[in-house]
Amino acid sequence: MSKEFENYKSAATGFSGQNSDVQLEWQRLFDWYASDGRQLFVDAFAKETGLRLGTPQAPDDLVGAAIPKTYSDLDNKNTGDAFYRAHGFWFLEEMDNIFARVLRDVAEPEAVPSLGDVLRFARPVLMDSVLLFEHWGTFRAGGPDVYGIGKNTSEHIMAFYQGARQTIYGHGSWNLSSADNHAD
């Protein structure tokens, strides 16, 4: 593992939700990503995989490279560079979209709970970016458990359904979704 990856992993996993002040935690994540978090990912990705995340590809090309049609197609895709480049690009695109649309400072007190929803979405995306390195090491480089992060690779459809409802309606909003998120 490179120092670039170690720096990125250390910083990215530091946003685990231990801070109870939602606004302060959002500001901390916002400042980190804007100042050096994004570049830390790009540097670590290039150093570990040898792949650059420069020029974006057409959306159809990204989908074709990253989303398997069958389980055997997954076995083929996750051993190729295009798969990891597409997922790395999508991570950056998603995080850039989040930070472009949500203000760092929220003046209205009633808007602060919405930051909690944003954090509950952004943190797993951030953790998945670290997991991307583990998947690359396991399936592309042939060295499992090198990067020291794991995750359940399957999800029960009910947990997925509840997670989707929470994303749409928020957590525990008038019986439209449950308060606890069991989906990953």
C-alpha atoms as a PDB file:
ATOM      1  CA  MET A   1       0.000   0.000   0.000  1.00  0.00           C
ATOM      2  CA  SER A   2       1.182   3.447  -0.839  1.00  0.00           C
ATOM      3  CA  LYS A   3       1.348   6.405   1.504  1.00  0.00           C
ATOM      4  CA  GLU A   4      -1.179   8.093  -0.799  1.00  0.00           C
ATOM      5  CA  PHE A   5      -3.707   5.344  -0.059  1.00  0.00           C
ATOM      6  CA  GLU A   6      -2.914   5.339   3.654  1.00  0.00           C
ATOM      7  CA  ASN A   7      -3.453   9.113   3.791  1.00  0.00           C
ATOM      8  CA  TYR A   8      -6.750   8.844   1.941  1.00  0.00           C
ATOM      9  CA  LYS A   9      -8.041   5.898   3.953  1.00  0.00           C
ATOM     10  CA  SER A  10      -7.111   7.502   7.257  1.00  0.00           C
ATOM     11  CA  ALA A  11      -8.910  10.732   6.404  1.00  0.00           C
ATOM     12  CA  ALA A  12     -11.952   9.148   4.697  1.00  0.00           C
ATOM     13  CA  THR A  13     -12.637   6.683   7.494  1.00  0.00           C
ATOM     14  CA  GLY A  14     -12.465   9.545  10.002  1.00  0.00           C
ATOM     15  CA  PHE A  15     -16.001  10.563   9.042  1.00  0.00           C
ATOM     16  CA  SER A  16     -17.724   7.694  10.782  1.00  0.00           C
ATOM     17  CA  GLY A  17     -20.495   9.710  12.398  1.00  0.00           C
ATOM     18  CA  GLN A  18     -19.121   9.995  15.910  1.00  0.00           C
ATOM     19  CA  ASN A  19     -19.830  13.722  16.099  1.00  0.00           C
ATOM     20  CA  SER A  20     -23.368  14.467  17.311  1.00  0.00           C
ATOM     21  CA  ASP A  21     -23.298  18.031  15.959  1.00  0.00           C
ATOM     22  CA  VAL A  22     -24.620  17.435  12.434  1.00  0.00           C
ATOM     23  CA  GLN A  23     -23.810  20.896  11.138  1.00  0.00           C
ATOM     24  CA  LEU A  24     -20.258  20.784  12.462  1.00  0.00           C
ATOM     25  CA  GLU A  25     -19.725  17.298  11.012  1.00  0.00           C
ATOM     26  CA  TRP A  26     -21.056  18.437   7.617  1.00  0.00           C
ATOM     27  CA  GLN A  27     -18.750  21.466   7.638  1.00  0.00           C
ATOM     28  CA  ARG A  28     -15.800  19.239   8.534  1.00  0.00           C
ATOM     29  CA  LEU A  29     -16.570  16.847   5.653  1.00  0.00           C
ATOM     30  CA  PHE A  30     -17.232  19.730   3.250  1.00  0.00           C
ATOM     31  CA  ASP A  31     -13.951  21.446   4.124  1.00  0.00           C
ATOM     32  CA  TRP A  32     -11.951  18.232   3.855  1.00  0.00           C
ATOM     33  CA  TYR A  33     -13.344  17.244   0.462  1.00  0.00           C
ATOM     34  CA  ALA A  34     -12.996  20.760  -0.954  1.00  0.00           C
ATOM     35  CA  SER A  35      -9.467  21.326   0.326  1.00  0.00           C
ATOM     36  CA  ASP A  36      -7.716  18.017  -0.258  1.00  0.00           C
ATOM     37  CA  GLY A  37     -10.057  15.010   0.062  1.00  0.00           C
ATOM     38  CA  ARG A  38     -10.902  14.857  -3.619  1.00  0.00           C
ATOM     39  CA  GLN A  39      -7.266  15.129  -4.640  1.00  0.00           C
ATOM     40  CA  LEU A  40      -6.238  12.535  -2.048  1.00  0.00           C
ATOM     41  CA  PHE A  41      -8.597  10.048  -3.731  1.00  0.00           C
ATOM     42  CA  VAL A  42      -7.322  10.878  -7.219  1.00  0.00           C
ATOM     43  CA  ASP A  43      -3.693  10.517  -6.109  1.00  0.00           C
ATOM     44  CA  ALA A  44      -4.310   7.263  -4.227  1.00  0.00           C
ATOM     45  CA  PHE A  45      -6.306   5.817  -7.125  1.00  0.00           C
ATOM     46  CA  ALA A  46      -3.543   6.630  -9.609  1.00  0.00           C
ATOM     47  CA  LYS A  47      -0.796   5.310  -7.340  1.00  0.00           C
ATOM     48  CA  GLU A  48      -2.523   2.044  -6.416  1.00  0.00           C
ATOM     49  CA  THR A  49      -4.204   1.131  -9.706  1.00  0.00           C
ATOM     50  CA  GLY A  50      -2.036   2.928 -12.236  1.00  0.00           C
ATOM     51  CA  LEU A  51      -5.245   4.396 -13.684  1.00  0.00           C
ATOM     52  CA  ARG A  52      -5.936   8.074 -14.284  1.00  0.00           C
ATOM     53  CA  LEU A  53      -9.332   9.663 -13.732  1.00  0.00           C
ATOM     54  CA  GLY A  54      -8.868  12.533 -16.129  1.00  0.00           C
ATOM     55  CA  THR A  55     -11.169  12.938 -19.097  1.00  0.00           C
ATOM     56  CA  PRO A  56     -14.697  11.720 -18.387  1.00  0.00           C
ATOM     57  CA  GLN A  57     -16.197   9.134 -20.667  1.00  0.00           C
ATOM     58  CA  ALA A  58     -19.648   9.178 -22.204  1.00  0.00           C
ATOM     59  CA  PRO A  59     -22.312   7.932 -19.759  1.00  0.00           C
ATOM     60  CA  ASP A  60     -23.158   4.963 -22.008  1.00  0.00           C
ATOM     61  CA  ASP A  61     -19.507   3.908 -22.041  1.00  0.00           C
ATOM     62  CA  LEU A  62     -19.308   4.141 -18.234  1.00  0.00           C
ATOM     63  CA  VAL A  63     -22.438   2.035 -17.799  1.00  0.00           C
ATOM     64  CA  GLY A  64     -21.119  -0.519 -20.263  1.00  0.00           C
ATOM     65  CA  ALA A  65     -17.804  -0.728 -18.423  1.00  0.00           C
ATOM     66  CA  ALA A  66     -19.120  -0.800 -14.865  1.00  0.00           C
ATOM     67  CA  ILE A  67     -22.458  -2.565 -14.733  1.00  0.00           C
ATOM     68  CA  PRO A  68     -22.458  -6.288 -15.424  1.00  0.00           C
ATOM     69  CA  LYS A  69     -25.323  -7.987 -17.208  1.00  0.00           C
ATOM     70  CA  THR A  70     -24.817 -11.372 -15.526  1.00  0.00           C
ATOM     71  CA  TYR A  71     -22.716 -12.900 -12.750  1.00  0.00           C
ATOM     72  CA  SER A  72     -20.255 -14.247 -15.302  1.00  0.00           C
ATOM     73  CA  ASP A  73     -20.073 -10.768 -16.834  1.00  0.00           C
ATOM     74  CA  LEU A  74     -19.188  -9.448 -13.365  1.00  0.00           C
ATOM     75  CA  ASP A  75     -16.337 -11.959 -13.202  1.00  0.00           C
ATOM     76  CA  ASN A  76     -15.073 -10.598 -16.510  1.00  0.00           C
ATOM     77  CA  LYS A  77     -15.585  -6.897 -15.745  1.00  0.00           C
ATOM     78  CA  ASN A  78     -14.022  -6.823 -12.290  1.00  0.00           C
ATOM     79  CA  THR A  79     -10.719  -8.047 -13.693  1.00  0.00           C
ATOM     80  CA  GLY A  80     -10.418  -5.141 -16.135  1.00  0.00           C
ATOM     81  CA  ASP A  81      -9.232  -1.571 -15.764  1.00  0.00           C
ATOM     82  CA  ALA A  82     -12.344   0.000 -17.326  1.00  0.00           C
ATOM     83  CA  PHE A  83     -14.514  -1.322 -14.476  1.00  0.00           C
ATOM     84  CA  TYR A  84     -12.445   0.402 -11.783  1.00  0.00           C
ATOM     85  CA  ARG A  85     -11.901   3.575 -13.774  1.00  0.00           C
ATOM     86  CA  ALA A  86     -15.677   3.920 -14.251  1.00  0.00           C
ATOM     87  CA  HIS A  87     -16.406   3.384 -10.557  1.00  0.00           C
ATOM     88  CA  GLY A  88     -13.655   5.811  -9.540  1.00  0.00           C
ATOM     89  CA  PHE A  89     -15.031   8.406 -11.919  1.00  0.00           C
ATOM     90  CA  TRP A  90     -18.584   7.865 -10.619  1.00  0.00           C
ATOM     91  CA  PHE A  91     -17.404   8.309  -7.037  1.00  0.00           C
ATOM     92  CA  LEU A  92     -15.872  11.681  -7.876  1.00  0.00           C
ATOM     93  CA  GLU A  93     -18.910  12.712  -9.886  1.00  0.00           C
ATOM     94  CA  GLU A  94     -21.312  11.817  -7.065  1.00  0.00           C
ATOM     95  CA  MET A  95     -19.286  13.564  -4.379  1.00  0.00           C
ATOM     96  CA  ASP A  96     -18.844  16.629  -6.594  1.00  0.00           C
ATOM     97  CA  ASN A  97     -22.625  16.725  -7.101  1.00  0.00           C
ATOM     98  CA  ILE A  98     -23.291  16.523  -3.375  1.00  0.00           C
ATOM     99  CA  PHE A  99     -20.905  19.338  -2.522  1.00  0.00           C
ATOM    100  CA  ALA A 100     -22.059  21.504  -5.413  1.00  0.00           C
ATOM    101  CA  ARG A 101     -25.695  21.337  -4.286  1.00  0.00           C
ATOM    102  CA  VAL A 102     -25.501  21.478  -0.489  1.00  0.00           C
ATOM    103  CA  LEU A 103     -24.208  24.634   1.118  1.00  0.00           C
ATOM    104  CA  ARG A 104     -21.436  24.432   3.695  1.00  0.00           C
ATOM    105  CA  ASP A 105     -23.215  26.780   6.087  1.00  0.00           C
ATOM    106  CA  VAL A 106     -26.914  26.514   6.779  1.00  0.00           C
ATOM    107  CA  ALA A 107     -28.466  29.600   8.338  1.00  0.00           C
ATOM    108  CA  GLU A 108     -31.983  28.242   8.866  1.00  0.00           C
ATOM    109  CA  PRO A 109     -32.245  25.952  11.924  1.00  0.00           C
ATOM    110  CA  GLU A 110     -35.021  23.941  10.281  1.00  0.00           C
ATOM    111  CA  ALA A 111     -32.632  22.969   7.463  1.00  0.00           C
ATOM    112  CA  VAL A 112     -30.050  21.401   9.797  1.00  0.00           C
ATOM    113  CA  PRO A 113     -31.852  18.007  10.000  1.00  0.00           C
ATOM    114  CA  SER A 114     -31.567  17.744   6.218  1.00  0.00           C
ATOM    115  CA  LEU A 115     -27.797  17.846   6.625  1.00  0.00           C
ATOM    116  CA  GLY A 116     -28.150  14.636   8.619  1.00  0.00           C
ATOM    117  CA  ASP A 117     -29.791  13.003   5.602  1.00  0.00           C
ATOM    118  CA  VAL A 118     -26.997  14.248   3.370  1.00  0.00           C
ATOM    119  CA  LEU A 119     -24.387  12.888   5.780  1.00  0.00           C
ATOM    120  CA  ARG A 120     -26.178   9.525   5.999  1.00  0.00           C
ATOM    121  CA  PHE A 121     -25.845   9.321   2.218  1.00  0.00           C
ATOM    122  CA  ALA A 122     -22.341  10.793   1.803  1.00  0.00           C
ATOM    123  CA  ARG A 123     -20.610   8.691   4.466  1.00  0.00           C
ATOM    124  CA  PRO A 124     -21.394   5.310   2.853  1.00  0.00           C
ATOM    125  CA  VAL A 125     -20.403   6.672  -0.553  1.00  0.00           C
ATOM    126  CA  LEU A 126     -17.111   7.760   0.995  1.00  0.00           C
ATOM    127  CA  MET A 127     -16.607   4.336   2.616  1.00  0.00           C
ATOM    128  CA  ASP A 128     -17.394   2.637  -0.700  1.00  0.00           C
ATOM    129  CA  SER A 129     -14.573   4.640  -2.285  1.00  0.00           C
ATOM    130  CA  VAL A 130     -12.159   3.041   0.179  1.00  0.00           C
ATOM    131  CA  LEU A 131     -13.716  -0.367  -0.478  1.00  0.00           C
ATOM    132  CA  LEU A 132     -13.122   0.150  -4.199  1.00  0.00           C
ATOM    133  CA  PHE A 133      -9.394  -0.228  -3.494  1.00  0.00           C
ATOM    134  CA  GLU A 134      -9.990  -3.530  -1.703  1.00  0.00           C
ATOM    135  CA  HIS A 135     -12.021  -4.820  -4.630  1.00  0.00           C
ATOM    136  CA  TRP A 136      -9.323  -3.719  -7.055  1.00  0.00           C
ATOM    137  CA  GLY A 137      -6.688  -5.496  -4.961  1.00  0.00           C
ATOM    138  CA  THR A 138      -8.758  -8.672  -4.714  1.00  0.00           C
ATOM    139  CA  PHE A 139     -10.151  -9.024  -8.217  1.00  0.00           C
ATOM    140  CA  ARG A 140      -7.745  -7.089 -10.439  1.00  0.00           C
ATOM    141  CA  ALA A 141      -4.379  -7.381  -8.694  1.00  0.00           C
ATOM    142  CA  GLY A 142      -5.048 -10.800  -7.137  1.00  0.00           C
ATOM    143  CA  GLY A 143      -4.162  -9.823  -3.571  1.00  0.00           C
ATOM    144  CA  PRO A 144      -7.209 -10.108  -1.286  1.00  0.00           C
ATOM    145  CA  ASP A 145      -7.385  -8.387   2.111  1.00  0.00           C
ATOM    146  CA  VAL A 146      -4.467  -6.072   1.382  1.00  0.00           C
ATOM    147  CA  TYR A 147      -6.246  -2.783   2.008  1.00  0.00           C
ATOM    148  CA  GLY A 148      -7.881  -3.723   5.284  1.00  0.00           C
ATOM    149  CA  ILE A 149     -11.510  -2.887   4.649  1.00  0.00           C
ATOM    150  CA  GLY A 150     -14.372  -5.244   4.005  1.00  0.00           C
ATOM    151  CA  LYS A 151     -18.093  -5.126   3.531  1.00  0.00           C
ATOM    152  CA  ASN A 152     -20.952  -7.513   3.099  1.00  0.00           C
ATOM    153  CA  THR A 153     -21.247  -8.065  -0.630  1.00  0.00           C
ATOM    154  CA  SER A 154     -24.924  -9.001  -0.599  1.00  0.00           C
ATOM    155  CA  GLU A 155     -28.006  -7.214   0.659  1.00  0.00           C
ATOM    156  CA  HIS A 156     -31.471  -8.596   1.345  1.00  0.00           C
ATOM    157  CA  ILE A 157     -34.018  -6.983  -0.952  1.00  0.00           C
ATOM    158  CA  MET A 158     -36.115  -5.772   2.014  1.00  0.00           C
ATOM    159  CA  ALA A 159     -33.173  -3.830   3.448  1.00  0.00           C
ATOM    160  CA  PHE A 160     -32.586  -2.336   0.011  1.00  0.00           C
ATOM    161  CA  TYR A 161     -36.273  -1.365  -0.214  1.00  0.00           C
ATOM    162  CA  GLN A 162     -36.248   0.259   3.249  1.00  0.00           C
ATOM    163  CA  GLY A 163     -33.032   2.094   2.416  1.00  0.00           C
ATOM    164  CA  ALA A 164     -34.620   3.462  -0.758  1.00  0.00           C
ATOM    165  CA  ARG A 165     -37.647   4.671   1.217  1.00  0.00           C
ATOM    166  CA  GLN A 166     -35.353   6.403   3.702  1.00  0.00           C
ATOM    167  CA  THR A 167     -33.475   8.091   0.888  1.00  0.00           C
ATOM    168  CA  ILE A 168     -36.725   9.332  -0.639  1.00  0.00           C
ATOM    169  CA  TYR A 169     -38.684  10.279   2.493  1.00  0.00           C
ATOM    170  CA  GLY A 170     -36.016  10.784   5.143  1.00  0.00           C
ATOM    171  CA  HIS A 171     -35.572   8.807   8.324  1.00  0.00           C
ATOM    172  CA  GLY A 172     -38.719   8.123  10.322  1.00  0.00           C
ATOM    173  CA  SER A 173     -40.838  10.659   8.474  1.00  0.00           C
ATOM    174  CA  TRP A 174     -44.471  10.139   9.487  1.00  0.00           C
ATOM    175  CA  ASN A 175     -44.422   6.369   8.980  1.00  0.00           C
ATOM    176  CA  LEU A 176     -43.238   6.703   5.385  1.00  0.00           C
ATOM    177  CA  SER A 177     -39.939   5.095   6.390  1.00  0.00           C
ATOM    178  CA  SER A 178     -38.337   3.577   9.459  1.00  0.00           C
ATOM    179  CA  ALA A 179     -35.868   5.487  11.599  1.00  0.00           C
ATOM    180  CA  ASP A 180     -33.119   2.871  11.379  1.00  0.00           C
ATOM    181  CA  ASN A 181     -31.276   2.207   8.170  1.00  0.00           C
ATOM    182  CA  HIS A 182     -30.443  -1.474   7.838  1.00  0.00           C
ATOM    183  CA  ALA A 183     -29.338  -1.244   4.241  1.00  0.00           C
ATOM    184  CA  ASP A 184     -25.808  -0.557   3.188  1.00  0.00           C
END
